[in-house]
Amino acid sequence: MSVKFDDFLQEQLQDPELKKEYEAFQPEHAIIQAIINARQQSGLTQKELSERTGIAQGDISKLERGSANPSIRTLQRLAAGMGMRLRLEFIPDATATFVKK
């Protein structure tokens, strides 16, 4: 019997320790996926994006694999190379347990 990835993931996330680690990685994964999606929507290869931005194709590949952490400046250059703007946002965290002063 074949198990769907989403079903498997939900089962694994029942482990509180694994869930905590998974959630900690979520922002990084979201950035990686956003870079890949934007590049593909722009119809560009990594090489073409490299030529437009001056960022080495190997570095773009590292960003998309998650083996490098981009600066805000790098993200802005990537966005401009794809004819886009960068937008970052902070959103409320329902699980946060801090005291407002």
Protein backbone atom coordinates (compact mmCIF):
# COMPACT_ATOMS: atom_id res chain seq x y z
CA MET A 1 0.00 0.00 0.00
CA SER A 2 1.31 3.46 -0.93
CA VAL A 3 1.38 6.20 1.71
CA LYS A 4 0.97 9.79 0.56
CA PHE A 5 3.70 12.14 1.70
CA ASP A 6 1.25 14.53 3.38
CA ASP A 7 -0.25 11.66 5.38
CA PHE A 8 3.21 10.45 6.36
CA LEU A 9 4.26 13.97 7.36
CA GLN A 10 1.18 14.49 9.51
CA GLU A 11 1.84 11.20 11.26
CA GLN A 12 5.49 12.15 11.91
CA LEU A 13 4.51 15.59 13.20
CA GLN A 14 2.70 13.93 16.10
CA ASP A 15 6.15 13.71 17.71
CA PRO A 16 6.50 17.08 19.55
CA GLU A 17 10.29 17.20 19.16
CA LEU A 18 10.14 16.55 15.41
CA LYS A 19 7.31 19.06 15.05
CA LYS A 20 9.38 21.74 16.79
CA GLU A 21 12.34 21.13 14.46
CA TYR A 22 10.08 21.08 11.39
CA GLU A 23 8.46 24.38 12.34
CA ALA A 24 11.86 25.97 13.02
CA PHE A 25 12.90 25.15 9.43
CA GLN A 26 9.67 26.50 7.91
CA PRO A 27 10.82 30.11 7.26
CA GLU A 28 13.97 28.90 5.49
CA HIS A 29 11.97 26.45 3.40
CA ALA A 30 9.48 29.18 2.48
CA ILE A 31 12.29 31.41 1.16
CA ILE A 32 13.80 28.55 -0.85
CA GLN A 33 10.43 27.69 -2.37
CA ALA A 34 9.66 31.35 -3.10
CA ILE A 35 12.94 31.74 -5.01
CA ILE A 36 12.30 28.60 -7.06
CA ASN A 37 8.66 29.51 -7.77
CA ALA A 38 9.49 33.09 -8.78
CA ARG A 39 12.28 31.98 -11.10
CA GLN A 40 10.08 29.37 -12.76
CA GLN A 41 7.16 31.82 -13.09
CA SER A 42 9.57 34.23 -14.74
CA GLY A 43 10.47 31.52 -17.23
CA LEU A 44 14.15 31.78 -16.38
CA THR A 45 16.82 29.16 -15.94
CA GLN A 46 19.36 29.56 -13.17
CA LYS A 47 21.91 30.52 -15.82
CA GLU A 48 19.65 33.24 -17.25
CA LEU A 49 18.95 34.60 -13.77
CA SER A 50 22.68 34.58 -13.11
CA GLU A 51 23.32 36.62 -16.24
CA ARG A 52 20.67 39.16 -15.24
CA THR A 53 21.81 39.55 -11.64
CA GLY A 54 25.56 38.97 -11.72
CA ILE A 55 25.07 36.27 -9.06
CA ALA A 56 26.96 33.11 -10.00
CA GLN A 57 24.71 30.28 -11.24
CA GLY A 58 26.35 27.99 -8.68
CA ASP A 59 25.33 30.38 -5.90
CA ILE A 60 21.74 30.47 -7.17
CA SER A 61 21.78 26.68 -7.16
CA LYS A 62 23.04 26.66 -3.57
CA LEU A 63 20.25 29.02 -2.53
CA GLU A 64 17.64 26.82 -4.19
CA ARG A 65 19.06 23.71 -2.51
CA GLY A 66 19.10 25.39 0.88
CA SER A 67 22.85 25.10 1.30
CA ALA A 68 23.36 28.88 1.45
CA ASN A 69 21.56 31.66 3.30
CA PRO A 70 20.85 34.75 1.21
CA SER A 71 21.17 38.29 2.50
CA ILE A 72 18.33 40.76 2.00
CA ARG A 73 20.51 42.44 -0.63
CA THR A 74 20.87 39.15 -2.54
CA LEU A 75 17.12 38.54 -2.38
CA GLN A 76 16.54 42.05 -3.75
CA ARG A 77 18.96 41.41 -6.63
CA LEU A 78 17.22 38.12 -7.43
CA ALA A 79 13.81 39.78 -7.35
CA ALA A 80 14.96 42.61 -9.63
CA GLY A 81 16.47 40.09 -12.04
CA MET A 82 13.06 38.43 -12.31
CA GLY A 83 11.23 41.72 -12.74
CA MET A 84 9.82 41.50 -9.22
CA ARG A 85 10.02 43.31 -5.90
CA LEU A 86 10.91 41.69 -2.59
CA ARG A 87 8.33 41.85 0.19
CA LEU A 88 8.99 40.56 3.69
CA GLU A 89 6.40 40.50 6.42
CA PHE A 90 6.09 39.66 10.07
CA ILE A 91 2.91 37.84 11.01
CA PRO A 92 1.44 37.11 14.44
CA ASP A 93 2.45 33.80 15.99
CA ALA A 94 -0.48 32.27 17.83
CA THR A 95 1.89 30.00 19.74
CA ALA A 96 4.16 32.80 21.01
CA THR A 97 4.32 33.07 24.78
CA PHE A 98 5.86 36.44 25.49
CA VAL A 99 4.65 39.24 27.73
CA LYS A 100 3.97 42.61 26.13
CA LYS A 101 5.55 45.49 28.06
